[in-house]
């Protein structure tokens, strides 16, 4: 079983990366009066930047998934 501090550190990284992704979206996509992203003006995002944010988020999520599968014998298809 993974040390609790390792899982906590990886979870913290995941949250930080997720927040950075949303910060990027917030800086580049306006929101409507309900606080939802407003795509009506068809904002253009830099595909490379979106991919870089997503890749970091996905990589960290896969690391945590490996801990859960190993420690709790969880299997998802």
C-alpha atoms as a PDB file:
ATOM      1  CA  UNK A   1       0.000   0.000   0.000  1.00  0.00           C
ATOM      2  CA  UNK A   2       1.260   3.456  -0.892  1.00  0.00           C
ATOM      3  CA  UNK A   3       2.288   5.758   1.913  1.00  0.00           C
ATOM      4  CA  UNK A   4      -0.546   8.182   2.650  1.00  0.00           C
ATOM      5  CA  UNK A   5       1.758  11.176   2.150  1.00  0.00           C
ATOM      6  CA  UNK A   6       2.573  10.035  -1.403  1.00  0.00           C
ATOM      7  CA  UNK A   7      -1.106   9.811  -2.324  1.00  0.00           C
ATOM      8  CA  UNK A   8      -1.804  13.169  -0.665  1.00  0.00           C
ATOM      9  CA  UNK A   9       1.063  14.801  -2.577  1.00  0.00           C
ATOM     10  CA  UNK A  10      -0.124  13.357  -5.888  1.00  0.00           C
ATOM     11  CA  UNK A  11      -3.699  14.450  -5.151  1.00  0.00           C
ATOM     12  CA  UNK A  12      -2.455  17.953  -4.393  1.00  0.00           C
ATOM     13  CA  UNK A  13      -0.599  17.995  -7.733  1.00  0.00           C
ATOM     14  CA  UNK A  14      -3.750  16.869  -9.532  1.00  0.00           C
ATOM     15  CA  UNK A  15      -5.768  19.688  -7.959  1.00  0.00           C
ATOM     16  CA  UNK A  16      -3.087  22.263  -8.806  1.00  0.00           C
ATOM     17  CA  UNK A  17      -2.946  21.085 -12.428  1.00  0.00           C
ATOM     18  CA  UNK A  18      -6.750  21.112 -12.666  1.00  0.00           C
ATOM     19  CA  UNK A  19      -6.834  24.651 -11.283  1.00  0.00           C
ATOM     20  CA  UNK A  20      -4.208  25.769 -13.813  1.00  0.00           C
ATOM     21  CA  UNK A  21      -6.318  24.281 -16.619  1.00  0.00           C
ATOM     22  CA  UNK A  22      -9.390  26.188 -15.439  1.00  0.00           C
ATOM     23  CA  UNK A  23      -7.321  29.360 -15.025  1.00  0.00           C
ATOM     24  CA  UNK A  24      -6.304  29.008 -18.676  1.00  0.00           C
ATOM     25  CA  UNK A  25      -9.918  28.527 -19.752  1.00  0.00           C
ATOM     26  CA  UNK A  26     -11.082  31.447 -17.581  1.00  0.00           C
ATOM     27  CA  UNK A  27      -8.473  33.721 -19.148  1.00  0.00           C
ATOM     28  CA  UNK A  28      -9.483  32.790 -22.689  1.00  0.00           C
ATOM     29  CA  UNK A  29     -13.229  32.110 -22.687  1.00  0.00           C
ATOM     30  CA  UNK A  30     -15.801  34.632 -21.457  1.00  0.00           C
ATOM     31  CA  UNK A  31     -18.586  33.530 -19.133  1.00  0.00           C
ATOM     32  CA  UNK A  32     -22.282  34.242 -19.398  1.00  0.00           C
ATOM     33  CA  UNK A  33     -24.487  35.714 -16.675  1.00  0.00           C
ATOM     34  CA  UNK A  34     -24.889  32.247 -15.144  1.00  0.00           C
ATOM     35  CA  UNK A  35     -21.129  31.777 -14.833  1.00  0.00           C
ATOM     36  CA  UNK A  36     -20.960  29.176 -17.617  1.00  0.00           C
ATOM     37  CA  UNK A  37     -18.423  29.378 -20.409  1.00  0.00           C
ATOM     38  CA  UNK A  38     -19.922  31.336 -23.294  1.00  0.00           C
ATOM     39  CA  UNK A  39     -18.917  29.846 -26.628  1.00  0.00           C
ATOM     40  CA  UNK A  40     -21.367  31.984 -28.624  1.00  0.00           C
ATOM     41  CA  UNK A  41     -18.581  34.229 -29.878  1.00  0.00           C
ATOM     42  CA  UNK A  42     -16.616  31.125 -30.911  1.00  0.00           C
ATOM     43  CA  UNK A  43     -13.447  31.915 -28.953  1.00  0.00           C
ATOM     44  CA  UNK A  44     -10.332  30.378 -30.424  1.00  0.00           C
ATOM     45  CA  UNK A  45      -7.987  28.548 -28.099  1.00  0.00           C
ATOM     46  CA  UNK A  46      -4.417  27.594 -28.826  1.00  0.00           C
ATOM     47  CA  UNK A  47      -4.643  23.844 -29.402  1.00  0.00           C
ATOM     48  CA  UNK A  48      -1.100  23.244 -28.179  1.00  0.00           C
ATOM     49  CA  UNK A  49      -1.803  25.021 -24.883  1.00  0.00           C
ATOM     50  CA  UNK A  50      -5.050  23.115 -24.374  1.00  0.00           C
ATOM     51  CA  UNK A  51      -3.255  19.840 -25.072  1.00  0.00           C
ATOM     52  CA  UNK A  52      -0.418  20.674 -22.671  1.00  0.00           C
ATOM     53  CA  UNK A  53      -2.896  21.410 -19.861  1.00  0.00           C
ATOM     54  CA  UNK A  54      -4.927  18.293 -20.621  1.00  0.00           C
ATOM     55  CA  UNK A  55      -1.847  16.065 -20.861  1.00  0.00           C
ATOM     56  CA  UNK A  56      -0.618  17.162 -17.412  1.00  0.00           C
ATOM     57  CA  UNK A  57      -4.067  16.586 -15.926  1.00  0.00           C
ATOM     58  CA  UNK A  58      -4.450  13.188 -17.579  1.00  0.00           C
ATOM     59  CA  UNK A  59      -0.936  12.075 -16.586  1.00  0.00           C
ATOM     60  CA  UNK A  60      -1.505  12.945 -12.929  1.00  0.00           C
ATOM     61  CA  UNK A  61      -4.920  11.254 -12.914  1.00  0.00           C
ATOM     62  CA  UNK A  62      -3.395   8.074 -14.369  1.00  0.00           C
ATOM     63  CA  UNK A  63      -0.712   8.074 -11.644  1.00  0.00           C
ATOM     64  CA  UNK A  64      -3.395   8.246  -8.952  1.00  0.00           C
ATOM     65  CA  UNK A  65      -5.437   5.577 -10.708  1.00  0.00           C
ATOM     66  CA  UNK A  66      -2.457   3.233 -10.541  1.00  0.00           C
ATOM     67  CA  UNK A  67      -2.258   3.701  -6.757  1.00  0.00           C
ATOM     68  CA  UNK A  68      -5.967   2.933  -6.384  1.00  0.00           C
ATOM     69  CA  UNK A  69      -5.818  -0.140  -8.588  1.00  0.00           C
ATOM     70  CA  UNK A  70      -2.773  -1.438  -6.731  1.00  0.00           C
ATOM     71  CA  UNK A  71      -3.859  -0.613  -3.197  1.00  0.00           C
ATOM     72  CA  UNK A  72      -7.560  -1.427  -3.420  1.00  0.00           C
ATOM     73  CA  UNK A  73      -7.538  -3.953  -6.262  1.00  0.00           C
ATOM     74  CA  UNK A  74      -9.931  -1.736  -8.234  1.00  0.00           C
ATOM     75  CA  UNK A  75     -10.349  -2.471 -11.903  1.00  0.00           C
ATOM     76  CA  UNK A  76     -12.136  -0.213 -14.367  1.00  0.00           C
ATOM     77  CA  UNK A  77     -12.672  -0.997 -18.010  1.00  0.00           C
END
